[in-house]
Amino acid sequence: MELMNIARVRWACRRGMLELDVLFQPFVEEKYLGLSESGKRTFIRLLECEDPELFAWFMGHEECPDPDLANMVATVRGRAKA
């Protein structure tokens, strides 16, 4: 999987749900560039998921079945609490 440039990542963070926008956009601005290559790939995989799925994971209604994505969800949520 090829990494996206930062402008494409920012664009991919613009979602159809405000709740996701307020999680993703600050995370990209503050933390994305500091992630490892593996972390960036995982974040991009997370952005490829559907909004209802993401909403359920981030709001704690469902658990993400993919351990790498679940860890990234926790990372993004952790930034929001800081």
C-alpha atoms as a PDB file:
ATOM      1  CA  MET A   1       0.000   0.000   0.000  1.00  0.00           C
ATOM      2  CA  GLU A   2       1.403   3.346  -1.022  1.00  0.00           C
ATOM      3  CA  LEU A   3       1.286   6.187   1.474  1.00  0.00           C
ATOM      4  CA  MET A   4      -0.822   9.210   0.581  1.00  0.00           C
ATOM      5  CA  ASN A   5       0.654  12.674   0.684  1.00  0.00           C
ATOM      6  CA  ILE A   6      -0.535  14.810   3.576  1.00  0.00           C
ATOM      7  CA  ALA A   7      -2.984  16.807   1.427  1.00  0.00           C
ATOM      8  CA  ARG A   8      -4.762  13.592   0.388  1.00  0.00           C
ATOM      9  CA  VAL A   9      -4.830  12.377   3.983  1.00  0.00           C
ATOM     10  CA  ARG A  10      -6.395  15.668   5.081  1.00  0.00           C
ATOM     11  CA  TRP A  11      -9.003  15.348   2.331  1.00  0.00           C
ATOM     12  CA  ALA A  12      -9.757  11.721   3.309  1.00  0.00           C
ATOM     13  CA  CYS A  13     -10.365  12.903   6.884  1.00  0.00           C
ATOM     14  CA  ARG A  14     -13.307  15.011   5.752  1.00  0.00           C
ATOM     15  CA  ARG A  15     -16.165  12.652   6.520  1.00  0.00           C
ATOM     16  CA  GLY A  16     -19.926  12.726   6.329  1.00  0.00           C
ATOM     17  CA  MET A  17     -20.232  12.885  10.109  1.00  0.00           C
ATOM     18  CA  LEU A  18     -19.190  15.815  12.268  1.00  0.00           C
ATOM     19  CA  GLU A  19     -18.286  13.421  15.095  1.00  0.00           C
ATOM     20  CA  LEU A  20     -15.636  11.804  12.891  1.00  0.00           C
ATOM     21  CA  ASP A  21     -14.386  15.115  11.511  1.00  0.00           C
ATOM     22  CA  VAL A  22     -13.636  16.413  14.997  1.00  0.00           C
ATOM     23  CA  LEU A  23     -11.600  13.284  15.732  1.00  0.00           C
ATOM     24  CA  PHE A  24      -9.714  12.870  12.471  1.00  0.00           C
ATOM     25  CA  GLN A  25      -8.829  16.402  11.451  1.00  0.00           C
ATOM     26  CA  PRO A  26      -7.006  17.420  14.654  1.00  0.00           C
ATOM     27  CA  PHE A  27      -5.275  14.031  14.789  1.00  0.00           C
ATOM     28  CA  VAL A  28      -3.875  14.506  11.290  1.00  0.00           C
ATOM     29  CA  GLU A  29      -2.700  18.032  12.050  1.00  0.00           C
ATOM     30  CA  GLU A  30      -1.082  17.128  15.373  1.00  0.00           C
ATOM     31  CA  LYS A  31       0.020  13.493  15.184  1.00  0.00           C
ATOM     32  CA  TYR A  32      -0.047  11.946  11.694  1.00  0.00           C
ATOM     33  CA  LEU A  33       3.380  13.075  10.517  1.00  0.00           C
ATOM     34  CA  GLY A  34       4.929  11.692  13.715  1.00  0.00           C
ATOM     35  CA  LEU A  35       3.560   8.195  13.136  1.00  0.00           C
ATOM     36  CA  SER A  36       5.827   5.396  11.941  1.00  0.00           C
ATOM     37  CA  GLU A  37       5.398   4.223   8.334  1.00  0.00           C
ATOM     38  CA  SER A  38       3.386   1.300   9.682  1.00  0.00           C
ATOM     39  CA  GLY A  39       1.233   3.647  11.752  1.00  0.00           C
ATOM     40  CA  LYS A  40       0.566   5.843   8.721  1.00  0.00           C
ATOM     41  CA  ARG A  41      -0.472   2.798   6.693  1.00  0.00           C
ATOM     42  CA  THR A  42      -2.804   1.689   9.470  1.00  0.00           C
ATOM     43  CA  PHE A  43      -4.348   5.165   9.721  1.00  0.00           C
ATOM     44  CA  ILE A  44      -4.931   5.187   5.949  1.00  0.00           C
ATOM     45  CA  ARG A  45      -6.582   1.754   6.232  1.00  0.00           C
ATOM     46  CA  LEU A  46      -8.796   3.195   8.963  1.00  0.00           C
ATOM     47  CA  LEU A  47      -9.820   6.051   6.649  1.00  0.00           C
ATOM     48  CA  GLU A  48     -10.885   3.485   4.048  1.00  0.00           C
ATOM     49  CA  CYS A  49     -13.578   2.136   6.399  1.00  0.00           C
ATOM     50  CA  GLU A  50     -17.201   3.213   6.132  1.00  0.00           C
ATOM     51  CA  ASP A  51     -18.486   6.043   8.332  1.00  0.00           C
ATOM     52  CA  PRO A  52     -21.120   3.977  10.214  1.00  0.00           C
ATOM     53  CA  GLU A  53     -18.444   1.417  11.095  1.00  0.00           C
ATOM     54  CA  LEU A  54     -16.023   4.105  12.239  1.00  0.00           C
ATOM     55  CA  PHE A  55     -18.713   5.849  14.263  1.00  0.00           C
ATOM     56  CA  ALA A  56     -19.579   2.607  16.086  1.00  0.00           C
ATOM     57  CA  TRP A  57     -15.908   1.939  16.896  1.00  0.00           C
ATOM     58  CA  PHE A  58     -15.094   5.464  18.044  1.00  0.00           C
ATOM     59  CA  MET A  59     -18.243   5.814  20.136  1.00  0.00           C
ATOM     60  CA  GLY A  60     -17.655   2.426  21.751  1.00  0.00           C
ATOM     61  CA  HIS A  61     -20.849   0.831  20.413  1.00  0.00           C
ATOM     62  CA  GLU A  62     -18.865  -1.951  18.707  1.00  0.00           C
ATOM     63  CA  GLU A  63     -15.360  -3.298  18.911  1.00  0.00           C
ATOM     64  CA  CYS A  64     -13.208  -3.196  15.797  1.00  0.00           C
ATOM     65  CA  PRO A  65     -12.395  -6.785  14.762  1.00  0.00           C
ATOM     66  CA  ASP A  66      -8.976  -5.864  13.293  1.00  0.00           C
ATOM     67  CA  PRO A  67      -6.400  -5.485  16.104  1.00  0.00           C
ATOM     68  CA  ASP A  68      -4.252  -2.961  14.204  1.00  0.00           C
ATOM     69  CA  LEU A  69      -7.249  -0.781  13.394  1.00  0.00           C
ATOM     70  CA  ALA A  70      -8.545  -1.144  16.965  1.00  0.00           C
ATOM     71  CA  ASN A  71      -5.191   0.137  18.252  1.00  0.00           C
ATOM     72  CA  MET A  72      -5.365   3.093  15.865  1.00  0.00           C
ATOM     73  CA  VAL A  73      -8.908   3.868  17.025  1.00  0.00           C
ATOM     74  CA  ALA A  74      -7.559   3.938  20.593  1.00  0.00           C
ATOM     75  CA  THR A  75      -4.659   6.162  19.515  1.00  0.00           C
ATOM     76  CA  VAL A  76      -6.954   8.674  17.809  1.00  0.00           C
ATOM     77  CA  ARG A  77      -9.379   8.619  20.745  1.00  0.00           C
ATOM     78  CA  GLY A  78      -6.475   9.128  23.142  1.00  0.00           C
ATOM     79  CA  ARG A  79      -5.449  12.291  21.311  1.00  0.00           C
ATOM     80  CA  ALA A  80      -8.969  13.617  21.624  1.00  0.00           C
ATOM     81  CA  LYS A  81      -8.916  13.148  25.411  1.00  0.00           C
ATOM     82  CA  ALA A  82      -5.585  14.880  25.874  1.00  0.00           C
END
